[in-house]
C-alpha atoms as a PDB file:
ATOM      1  CA  MET A   1      32.578  82.609 -30.030  1.00  0.00           C
ATOM      2  CA  PRO A   2      34.781  81.276 -27.219  1.00  0.00           C
ATOM      3  CA  ASN A   3      33.606  78.435 -25.044  1.00  0.00           C
ATOM      4  CA  ILE A   4      32.332  78.964 -21.543  1.00  0.00           C
ATOM      5  CA  ARG A   5      34.924  78.606 -18.769  1.00  0.00           C
ATOM      6  CA  LEU A   6      33.850  75.639 -16.691  1.00  0.00           C
ATOM      7  CA  THR A   7      34.281  76.963 -13.186  1.00  0.00           C
ATOM      8  CA  LYS A   8      32.594  75.072 -10.351  1.00  0.00           C
ATOM      9  CA  PRO A   9      29.740  77.628 -10.195  1.00  0.00           C
ATOM     10  CA  THR A  10      29.223  77.473 -13.975  1.00  0.00           C
ATOM     11  CA  ILE A  11      29.145  73.671 -13.847  1.00  0.00           C
ATOM     12  CA  ALA A  12      26.536  73.790 -11.069  1.00  0.00           C
ATOM     13  CA  VAL A  13      24.338  76.197 -13.090  1.00  0.00           C
ATOM     14  CA  LEU A  14      24.675  74.116 -16.277  1.00  0.00           C
ATOM     15  CA  GLU A  15      23.842  70.900 -14.437  1.00  0.00           C
ATOM     16  CA  THR A  16      20.756  72.561 -12.948  1.00  0.00           C
ATOM     17  CA  LEU A  17      19.638  73.782 -16.383  1.00  0.00           C
ATOM     18  CA  LEU A  18      20.264  70.362 -17.953  1.00  0.00           C
ATOM     19  CA  VAL A  19      17.813  68.649 -15.585  1.00  0.00           C
ATOM     20  CA  ALA A  20      15.116  71.326 -15.910  1.00  0.00           C
ATOM     21  CA  THR A  21      12.059  70.344 -17.938  1.00  0.00           C
ATOM     22  CA  SER A  22       8.998  72.129 -19.263  1.00  0.00           C
ATOM     23  CA  ASP A  23       7.048  70.541 -16.378  1.00  0.00           C
ATOM     24  CA  ASN A  24       9.690  71.627 -13.874  1.00  0.00           C
ATOM     25  CA  PRO A  25      11.348  74.744 -15.344  1.00  0.00           C
ATOM     26  CA  ALA A  26      14.321  76.558 -13.837  1.00  0.00           C
ATOM     27  CA  TRP A  27      13.883  80.119 -12.604  1.00  0.00           C
ATOM     28  CA  GLY A  28      16.422  82.404 -10.996  1.00  0.00           C
ATOM     29  CA  LEU A  29      15.971  81.549  -7.338  1.00  0.00           C
ATOM     30  CA  SER A  30      15.410  77.839  -8.027  1.00  0.00           C
ATOM     31  CA  ILE A  31      18.761  77.788  -9.846  1.00  0.00           C
ATOM     32  CA  CYS A  32      20.387  79.519  -6.857  1.00  0.00           C
ATOM     33  CA  ARG A  33      18.864  76.929  -4.515  1.00  0.00           C
ATOM     34  CA  ASP A  34      19.627  73.865  -6.658  1.00  0.00           C
ATOM     35  CA  ALA A  35      23.177  74.990  -7.519  1.00  0.00           C
ATOM     36  CA  ASP A  36      23.761  76.132  -3.905  1.00  0.00           C
ATOM     37  CA  LEU A  37      24.971  79.542  -5.114  1.00  0.00           C
ATOM     38  CA  GLY A  38      24.007  83.125  -4.420  1.00  0.00           C
ATOM     39  CA  PRO A  39      22.243  85.370  -6.923  1.00  0.00           C
ATOM     40  CA  GLY A  40      25.402  87.488  -7.314  1.00  0.00           C
ATOM     41  CA  THR A  41      27.062  84.400  -8.796  1.00  0.00           C
ATOM     42  CA  VAL A  42      24.143  82.833 -10.687  1.00  0.00           C
ATOM     43  CA  TYR A  43      22.784  85.839 -12.602  1.00  0.00           C
ATOM     44  CA  PRO A  44      26.135  86.853 -14.169  1.00  0.00           C
ATOM     45  CA  ILE A  45      26.606  83.233 -15.296  1.00  0.00           C
ATOM     46  CA  LEU A  46      23.113  83.227 -16.824  1.00  0.00           C
ATOM     47  CA  ASP A  47      23.926  86.526 -18.570  1.00  0.00           C
ATOM     48  CA  ARG A  48      27.133  85.067 -20.071  1.00  0.00           C
ATOM     49  CA  LEU A  49      25.292  81.946 -21.204  1.00  0.00           C
ATOM     50  CA  ALA A  50      22.583  84.105 -22.813  1.00  0.00           C
ATOM     51  CA  GLU A  51      25.192  86.266 -24.587  1.00  0.00           C
ATOM     52  CA  ARG A  52      26.609  83.108 -26.187  1.00  0.00           C
ATOM     53  CA  GLY A  53      23.163  81.888 -27.236  1.00  0.00           C
ATOM     54  CA  TRP A  54      23.150  78.951 -24.818  1.00  0.00           C
ATOM     55  CA  VAL A  55      20.214  80.172 -22.712  1.00  0.00           C
ATOM     56  CA  VAL A  56      16.954  81.951 -23.383  1.00  0.00           C
ATOM     57  CA  SER A  57      14.648  83.365 -20.764  1.00  0.00           C
ATOM     58  CA  HIS A  58      11.033  84.419 -20.571  1.00  0.00           C
ATOM     59  CA  GLU A  59       8.752  85.825 -17.929  1.00  0.00           C
ATOM     60  CA  GLU A  60       6.108  83.683 -16.268  1.00  0.00           C
ATOM     61  CA  LYS A  61       2.681  84.040 -17.797  1.00  0.00           C
ATOM     62  CA  GLY A  62      -0.605  83.669 -15.996  1.00  0.00           C
ATOM     63  CA  ARG A  63      -1.486  84.350 -12.395  1.00  0.00           C
ATOM     64  CA  HIS A  64       1.136  84.550  -9.693  1.00  0.00           C
ATOM     65  CA  PRO A  65      -0.647  86.199  -6.760  1.00  0.00           C
ATOM     66  CA  GLY A  66       1.425  87.591  -3.942  1.00  0.00           C
ATOM     67  CA  ARG A  67       4.781  87.471  -5.719  1.00  0.00           C
ATOM     68  CA  PRO A  68       6.470  88.920  -8.773  1.00  0.00           C
ATOM     69  CA  ALA A  69       6.469  86.952 -12.021  1.00  0.00           C
ATOM     70  CA  ARG A  70       9.320  84.479 -12.281  1.00  0.00           C
ATOM     71  CA  ARG A  71      11.867  84.596 -15.099  1.00  0.00           C
ATOM     72  CA  PHE A  72      12.356  81.102 -16.500  1.00  0.00           C
ATOM     73  CA  TYR A  73      15.701  80.054 -18.019  1.00  0.00           C
ATOM     74  CA  GLU A  74      16.067  77.309 -20.601  1.00  0.00           C
ATOM     75  CA  LEU A  75      19.017  75.943 -22.532  1.00  0.00           C
ATOM     76  CA  THR A  76      18.756  76.374 -26.288  1.00  0.00           C
ATOM     77  CA  GLY A  77      19.352  73.336 -28.496  1.00  0.00           C
ATOM     78  CA  THR A  78      22.929  74.494 -29.061  1.00  0.00           C
ATOM     79  CA  GLY A  79      23.370  75.305 -25.376  1.00  0.00           C
ATOM     80  CA  ARG A  80      22.105  71.901 -24.278  1.00  0.00           C
ATOM     81  CA  GLN A  81      24.363  70.127 -26.764  1.00  0.00           C
ATOM     82  CA  GLN A  82      27.453  72.219 -25.920  1.00  0.00           C
ATOM     83  CA  ALA A  83      26.893  71.995 -22.156  1.00  0.00           C
ATOM     84  CA  ALA A  84      26.406  68.222 -22.227  1.00  0.00           C
ATOM     85  CA  GLU A  85      29.491  67.767 -24.433  1.00  0.00           C
ATOM     86  CA  MET A  86      31.719  70.040 -22.323  1.00  0.00           C
ATOM     87  CA  LEU A  87      30.642  68.371 -19.083  1.00  0.00           C
ATOM     88  CA  ARG A  88      31.153  64.901 -20.585  1.00  0.00           C
ATOM     89  CA  GLU A  89      34.652  65.840 -21.828  1.00  0.00           C
ATOM     90  CA  ARG A  90      35.522  67.363 -18.472  1.00  0.00           C
ATOM     91  CA  ARG A  91      34.463  64.196 -16.622  1.00  0.00           C
ATOM     92  CA  ALA A  92      36.438  62.033 -19.053  1.00  0.00           C
ATOM     93  CA  ARG A  93      39.578  64.168 -18.560  1.00  0.00           C
ATOM     94  CA  ARG A  94      39.247  64.206 -14.786  1.00  0.00           C
ATOM     95  CA  PHE A  95      38.611  60.492 -14.459  1.00  0.00           C
ATOM     96  CA  GLY A  96      41.039  59.602 -17.251  1.00  0.00           C
ATOM     97  CA  LEU A  97      43.879  61.508 -15.573  1.00  0.00           C
ATOM     98  CA  GLY A  98      43.048  59.965 -12.219  1.00  0.00           C
ATOM     99  CA  LEU A  99      43.112  56.437 -13.628  1.00  0.00           C
ATOM    100  CA  ALA A 100      46.314  57.007 -15.597  1.00  0.00           C
ATOM    101  CA  GLY A 101      48.075  58.263 -12.485  1.00  0.00           C
ATOM    102  CA  GLY A 102      49.433  61.229 -14.399  1.00  0.00           C
ATOM    103  CA  ALA A 103      51.997  59.103 -16.248  1.00  0.00           C
ATOM    104  CA  SER A 104      52.528  59.729 -19.962  1.00  0.00           C
END
């Protein structure tokens, strides 16, 4: 399966998911807020990540009076590993090219 294209919005969503924990899980609108992106951008990214097996989601259990249940999103083991590796490689390329001055 092809890798995820690392656009700026995708990077922001992945970074938000990477810092989420079981004590502080990521849900749709929290990802929008933390990534500073609209739902029309975030939800298609989450769908693509889920299609590739990088993300799983589940509905909030328990009481949530006065609001609909939240849908929590979590990176799978593979998703966490792939996302961290891709972001690390991207940073290395960006900073490596900047330090080398573009000379070969």
